[in-house]
N, C-alpha and C. Protein backbone atom coordinates (compact mmCIF):
# COMPACT_ATOMS: atom_id res chain seq x y z
N MET A 1 0.88 -1.18 0.03
CA MET A 1 0.10 0.10 -0.04
C MET A 1 0.82 1.18 0.09
N SER A 2 0.47 2.28 -0.80
CA SER A 2 1.29 3.49 -0.87
C SER A 2 1.13 4.40 0.30
N ASP A 3 2.13 5.15 0.56
CA ASP A 3 2.10 5.98 1.72
C ASP A 3 1.55 7.24 1.22
N LYS A 4 1.29 7.58 -0.12
CA LYS A 4 0.79 8.82 -0.69
C LYS A 4 -0.61 8.92 -0.45
N SER A 5 -1.09 10.10 -0.34
CA SER A 5 -2.61 10.31 -0.18
C SER A 5 -3.34 9.93 -1.53
N VAL A 6 -4.62 9.64 -1.35
CA VAL A 6 -5.30 9.32 -2.54
C VAL A 6 -5.24 10.65 -3.48
N LYS A 7 -5.49 11.79 -3.16
CA LYS A 7 -5.26 12.90 -3.96
C LYS A 7 -4.03 12.99 -4.78
N ASP A 8 -2.86 12.75 -4.08
CA ASP A 8 -1.61 12.61 -4.66
C ASP A 8 -1.44 11.54 -5.71
N GLN A 9 -1.93 10.36 -5.43
CA GLN A 9 -2.03 9.42 -6.37
C GLN A 9 -2.80 9.60 -7.62
N VAL A 10 -3.88 10.34 -7.49
CA VAL A 10 -4.83 10.71 -8.56
C VAL A 10 -4.26 11.78 -9.42
N ARG A 11 -3.42 12.72 -8.57
CA ARG A 11 -2.63 13.85 -9.29
C ARG A 11 -1.64 13.24 -10.30
N GLU A 12 -0.85 12.34 -9.64
CA GLU A 12 0.19 11.78 -10.36
C GLU A 12 -0.48 10.84 -11.66
N LEU A 13 -1.55 10.26 -11.64
CA LEU A 13 -2.32 9.41 -12.49
C LEU A 13 -2.61 10.37 -13.62
N LEU A 14 -3.18 11.59 -13.21
CA LEU A 14 -3.68 12.61 -14.27
C LEU A 14 -2.46 13.21 -15.01
N ASP A 15 -1.23 13.19 -14.44
CA ASP A 15 -0.24 13.69 -15.13
C ASP A 15 0.43 12.66 -16.03
N ARG A 16 0.01 11.45 -15.95
CA ARG A 16 0.61 10.48 -16.73
C ARG A 16 -0.33 10.23 -17.93
N LEU A 17 -1.51 10.77 -17.94
CA LEU A 17 -2.56 10.51 -19.05
C LEU A 17 -2.25 11.65 -19.97
N PRO A 18 -2.51 11.37 -21.16
CA PRO A 18 -2.34 12.40 -22.33
C PRO A 18 -3.47 13.49 -22.11
N ASP A 19 -2.98 14.78 -22.56
CA ASP A 19 -3.97 15.91 -22.43
C ASP A 19 -5.22 15.74 -23.05
N ASP A 20 -5.22 14.80 -24.06
CA ASP A 20 -6.50 14.53 -24.93
C ASP A 20 -7.46 13.47 -24.50
N CYS A 21 -7.00 13.00 -23.13
CA CYS A 21 -7.71 11.80 -22.60
C CYS A 21 -9.20 12.18 -22.31
N SER A 22 -10.04 11.23 -22.30
CA SER A 22 -11.49 11.31 -22.13
C SER A 22 -11.86 11.13 -20.49
N PHE A 23 -12.97 11.26 -20.29
CA PHE A 23 -13.46 10.86 -18.91
C PHE A 23 -13.39 9.48 -18.54
N ALA A 24 -13.67 8.69 -19.72
CA ALA A 24 -13.64 7.12 -19.67
C ALA A 24 -12.31 6.66 -19.25
N ASP A 25 -11.40 7.32 -20.06
CA ASP A 25 -9.88 7.12 -19.74
C ASP A 25 -9.34 7.19 -18.30
N VAL A 26 -9.99 8.55 -17.87
CA VAL A 26 -9.75 8.60 -16.42
C VAL A 26 -10.27 7.55 -15.43
N GLN A 27 -11.58 7.21 -15.73
CA GLN A 27 -12.22 6.36 -14.91
C GLN A 27 -11.52 4.86 -14.90
N ARG A 28 -11.02 4.51 -16.16
CA ARG A 28 -10.38 3.22 -16.25
C ARG A 28 -9.24 3.17 -15.56
N ALA A 29 -8.37 4.32 -15.56
CA ALA A 29 -7.19 4.54 -14.87
C ALA A 29 -7.36 4.66 -13.32
N ILE A 30 -8.33 5.04 -12.94
CA ILE A 30 -8.63 5.16 -11.45
C ILE A 30 -9.05 3.61 -11.03
N ALA A 31 -9.89 3.10 -12.02
CA ALA A 31 -10.25 1.81 -11.64
C ALA A 31 -9.07 0.65 -11.39
N VAL A 32 -8.03 0.93 -12.31
CA VAL A 32 -6.83 0.19 -12.27
C VAL A 32 -6.27 0.44 -10.85
N LEU A 33 -6.09 1.87 -10.71
CA LEU A 33 -5.38 2.37 -9.52
C LEU A 33 -6.09 1.67 -8.16
N MET A 34 -7.22 1.38 -8.10
CA MET A 34 -7.96 0.92 -7.09
C MET A 34 -7.99 -0.51 -6.86
N TRP A 35 -7.82 -1.13 -8.04
CA TRP A 35 -7.76 -2.55 -8.12
C TRP A 35 -6.83 -3.37 -7.14
N PRO A 36 -7.37 -4.43 -6.38
CA PRO A 36 -6.60 -4.99 -5.51
C PRO A 36 -5.29 -5.46 -6.03
N LYS A 37 -4.04 -5.33 -5.31
CA LYS A 37 -2.71 -5.80 -5.73
C LYS A 37 -2.23 -7.02 -5.08
N GLN A 38 -1.43 -7.70 -5.82
CA GLN A 38 -0.71 -8.83 -5.33
C GLN A 38 0.65 -8.44 -4.60
N GLU A 39 1.22 -9.28 -3.81
CA GLU A 39 2.58 -8.98 -3.17
C GLU A 39 3.64 -8.42 -4.22
N ASP A 40 3.63 -8.76 -5.35
CA ASP A 40 4.73 -8.38 -6.37
C ASP A 40 4.17 -7.00 -7.05
N GLY A 41 2.92 -6.50 -6.49
CA GLY A 41 2.47 -5.27 -7.22
C GLY A 41 1.66 -5.49 -8.34
N GLY A 42 1.55 -6.73 -8.99
CA GLY A 42 0.82 -6.94 -10.04
C GLY A 42 -0.74 -6.95 -9.55
N LEU A 43 -1.54 -6.95 -10.57
CA LEU A 43 -3.13 -6.92 -10.29
C LEU A 43 -3.66 -8.15 -9.86
N LYS A 44 -4.46 -8.52 -8.76
CA LYS A 44 -4.93 -9.73 -8.44
C LYS A 44 -6.17 -10.03 -9.46
N PRO A 45 -6.13 -11.30 -9.78
CA PRO A 45 -7.26 -11.74 -10.69
C PRO A 45 -8.60 -11.56 -10.16
N PRO A 46 -9.70 -11.18 -10.78
CA PRO A 46 -10.96 -10.95 -10.23
C PRO A 46 -11.50 -12.20 -9.45
N GLU A 47 -12.30 -12.25 -8.35
CA GLU A 47 -12.69 -13.28 -7.70
C GLU A 47 -13.90 -13.88 -8.61
N ARG A 48 -13.90 -15.06 -8.86
CA ARG A 48 -14.98 -15.82 -9.55
C ARG A 48 -15.85 -16.48 -8.71
N LEU A 49 -17.34 -16.04 -8.92
CA LEU A 49 -18.39 -16.78 -8.08
C LEU A 49 -18.76 -17.87 -8.70
N SER A 50 -19.33 -18.78 -7.85
CA SER A 50 -19.99 -20.12 -8.40
C SER A 50 -21.25 -19.70 -8.99
N PRO A 51 -21.77 -20.48 -10.13
CA PRO A 51 -22.95 -20.35 -10.65
C PRO A 51 -24.03 -20.32 -9.61
N ASP A 52 -24.01 -21.11 -8.65
CA ASP A 52 -25.12 -21.15 -7.50
C ASP A 52 -25.08 -19.78 -6.75
N GLU A 53 -23.94 -19.28 -6.44
CA GLU A 53 -23.93 -17.98 -5.78
C GLU A 53 -24.32 -16.78 -6.76
N VAL A 54 -24.13 -16.82 -7.83
CA VAL A 54 -24.56 -15.85 -8.83
C VAL A 54 -26.16 -15.82 -8.84
N LYS A 55 -26.72 -17.05 -8.90
CA LYS A 55 -28.22 -17.26 -8.95
C LYS A 55 -28.81 -16.82 -7.52
N ARG A 56 -28.13 -16.94 -6.39
CA ARG A 56 -28.58 -16.69 -5.05
C ARG A 56 -28.66 -15.04 -5.11
N ARG A 57 -27.44 -14.52 -5.39
CA ARG A 57 -27.36 -12.99 -5.50
C ARG A 57 -28.37 -12.32 -6.47
N LEU A 58 -28.72 -13.06 -7.56
CA LEU A 58 -29.69 -12.43 -8.37
C LEU A 58 -31.03 -12.48 -7.84
N ARG A 59 -31.36 -13.73 -7.42
CA ARG A 59 -32.67 -13.87 -6.69
C ARG A 59 -32.92 -12.80 -5.57
N GLU A 60 -31.89 -12.57 -4.71
CA GLU A 60 -31.86 -11.66 -3.74
C GLU A 60 -32.18 -10.21 -4.22
N TRP A 61 -31.46 -9.76 -5.36
CA TRP A 61 -31.49 -8.58 -5.95
C TRP A 61 -33.00 -8.38 -6.55
N LEU A 62 -33.64 -9.44 -7.22
CA LEU A 62 -34.87 -9.29 -7.74
C LEU A 62 -35.79 -9.05 -6.73
N LYS A 63 -35.60 -9.90 -5.72
CA LYS A 63 -36.74 -9.73 -4.46
C LYS A 63 -36.58 -8.39 -4.12
N SER A 64 -35.60 -7.83 -3.94
CA SER A 64 -35.38 -6.38 -3.36
C SER A 64 -35.90 -5.38 -4.35
N GLU A 65 -35.95 -5.60 -5.67
CA GLU A 65 -36.43 -4.66 -6.57
C GLU A 65 -37.85 -4.79 -6.48
N ARG A 66 -38.53 -5.95 -6.21
CA ARG A 66 -39.88 -6.21 -6.45
C ARG A 66 -40.46 -5.71 -5.10
N ASP A 67 -39.91 -5.57 -3.94
CA ASP A 67 -40.23 -4.91 -2.70
C ASP A 67 -40.43 -3.26 -2.58
N LYS A 68 -39.71 -2.79 -3.74
CA LYS A 68 -39.71 -1.28 -3.63
C LYS A 68 -40.91 -0.69 -3.95
């Protein structure tokens, strides 16, 4: 984990991006900056959910939407 503040990290990120970057470019760069890192500094692979867990979460979400 970096000792730099979030603002400092984002400022450095913005300085590295080209002047003609889009908001989408900035969003992607921040997403990469926030992504969990491995011990060697590389990005951790995303957590994979089992199909049963995906179904469970979807049912839960659908139920909460129906209850609104």
